[in-house]
Structures are given as structure tokens and as C-alpha cells.
Amino acid sequence: MDLWALRQGPFDDGFTCCQDEYLRNGESMLHERVDLVLTRLPSGGELMPIQSEVTGDRDNEKSVSGLWPSDHACIVATLKFKRK
């Protein structure tokens, strides 16, 4: 189960790939979502996704010298599992 698609739905693409290999591109070049948060429900459990966000995709996350933190952004998710 892809948690980004479950939590965000069609409202946000959640692109995580790919910046220039030298990380010097001025504008973000992220154009596809290849980095995922995957989970499997525990037996008899119910998943309650709380929050998910992409990090490393905003200008204010660049280094002082203007480099992107990585060629990929990442997805951070907060989950809660509840037994039925």
C-alpha cells in the first residue's frame, strides 16, 4: 500500500525525482514520484495515516551555496495502527 497516494490522493503529486546530478539547478526539476513509503497492515489492524510530506524539494532547503540536499526528495509519513 502506497501511503502517499492513500493520504494525499490526487491533490499533490509528491514528486521526489530527480534534481540535476550536480544539484546546481536553480528551479526544482522533480517530475516523478519514485520514492515511496510502503507498509503492510498487521493482522486484524486498521491503518490511520496521520500526515505525509515531501522534504528536500523547496528552495529554503538548499545549502548556503545553493545546492539541493540530494538528487531525490524524500517522503516523511506519520502512521498509526489500530487493532480492530
Protein backbone atom coordinates (compact mmCIF):
# COMPACT_ATOMS: atom_id res chain seq x y z
CA MET A 1 0.00 0.00 0.00
CA ASP A 2 1.45 3.40 -1.05
CA LEU A 3 0.88 5.78 1.85
CA TRP A 4 1.33 8.97 -0.18
CA ALA A 5 -1.46 8.04 -2.56
CA LEU A 6 -3.65 6.99 0.36
CA ARG A 7 -3.10 10.20 2.36
CA GLN A 8 -2.70 12.85 -0.34
CA GLY A 9 -4.84 11.36 -3.09
CA PRO A 10 -4.90 13.38 -6.32
CA PHE A 11 -4.28 16.69 -4.51
CA ASP A 12 -0.46 16.60 -4.56
CA ASP A 13 1.80 14.68 -6.95
CA GLY A 14 4.50 14.18 -4.31
CA PHE A 15 7.31 14.22 -6.87
CA THR A 16 10.65 13.02 -5.49
CA CYS A 17 12.89 12.55 -8.56
CA CYS A 18 15.23 13.93 -9.92
CA GLN A 19 17.36 17.02 -9.50
CA ASP A 20 20.42 17.65 -11.67
CA GLU A 21 23.21 15.19 -10.81
CA TYR A 22 25.38 18.09 -9.58
CA LEU A 23 22.48 19.57 -7.59
CA ARG A 24 23.01 23.05 -9.08
CA ASN A 25 19.71 23.53 -10.92
CA GLY A 26 18.02 26.78 -9.84
CA GLU A 27 14.42 25.59 -10.10
CA SER A 28 13.37 22.16 -8.87
CA MET A 29 13.40 19.54 -11.61
CA LEU A 30 11.40 16.94 -9.65
CA HIS A 31 8.98 15.40 -12.11
CA GLU A 32 8.08 11.90 -10.94
CA ARG A 33 7.43 10.06 -7.72
CA VAL A 34 9.78 7.11 -7.32
CA ASP A 35 10.46 7.22 -3.58
CA LEU A 36 7.69 5.58 -1.59
CA VAL A 37 6.64 4.77 1.95
CA LEU A 38 5.19 1.28 1.91
CA THR A 39 3.53 -0.60 4.73
CA ARG A 40 1.63 -3.76 5.39
CA LEU A 41 -1.18 -3.88 7.91
CA PRO A 42 -0.70 -6.03 10.96
CA SER A 43 -3.15 -8.91 11.16
CA GLY A 44 -6.53 -7.52 12.16
CA GLY A 45 -5.24 -3.95 12.07
CA GLU A 46 -6.51 -0.72 10.60
CA LEU A 47 -4.18 1.92 9.17
CA MET A 48 -4.79 5.55 10.07
CA PRO A 49 -2.32 7.73 8.10
CA ILE A 50 -1.85 10.93 10.06
CA GLN A 51 0.44 13.04 7.89
CA SER A 52 2.77 12.81 4.91
CA GLU A 53 5.02 15.39 3.31
CA VAL A 54 7.84 15.70 0.80
CA THR A 55 11.08 17.22 2.11
CA GLY A 56 14.11 18.46 0.19
CA ASP A 57 12.02 19.99 -2.61
CA ARG A 58 11.86 23.65 -1.56
CA ASP A 59 14.30 26.48 -2.22
CA ASN A 60 14.68 27.20 1.50
CA GLU A 61 16.07 23.66 1.99
CA LYS A 62 19.07 24.28 -0.28
CA SER A 63 22.56 24.62 1.18
CA VAL A 64 24.12 28.05 1.73
CA SER A 65 25.94 27.61 -1.59
CA GLY A 66 22.63 26.91 -3.38
CA LEU A 67 22.82 23.13 -3.78
CA TRP A 68 19.80 20.88 -3.38
CA PRO A 69 20.16 18.48 -0.42
CA SER A 70 20.01 15.46 -2.76
CA ASP A 71 19.06 14.48 -6.28
CA HIS A 72 15.91 12.95 -4.75
CA ALA A 73 13.48 14.49 -2.31
CA CYS A 74 12.07 12.21 0.38
CA ILE A 75 8.69 11.40 1.82
CA VAL A 76 8.11 11.50 5.57
CA ALA A 77 4.97 9.85 6.92
CA THR A 78 3.40 9.58 10.34
CA LEU A 79 1.28 6.47 10.81
CA LYS A 80 -0.95 4.99 13.45
CA PHE A 81 -2.14 1.41 13.53
CA LYS A 82 -5.28 0.45 15.37
CA ARG A 83 -6.46 -3.04 16.16
CA LYS A 84 -10.00 -3.78 15.02
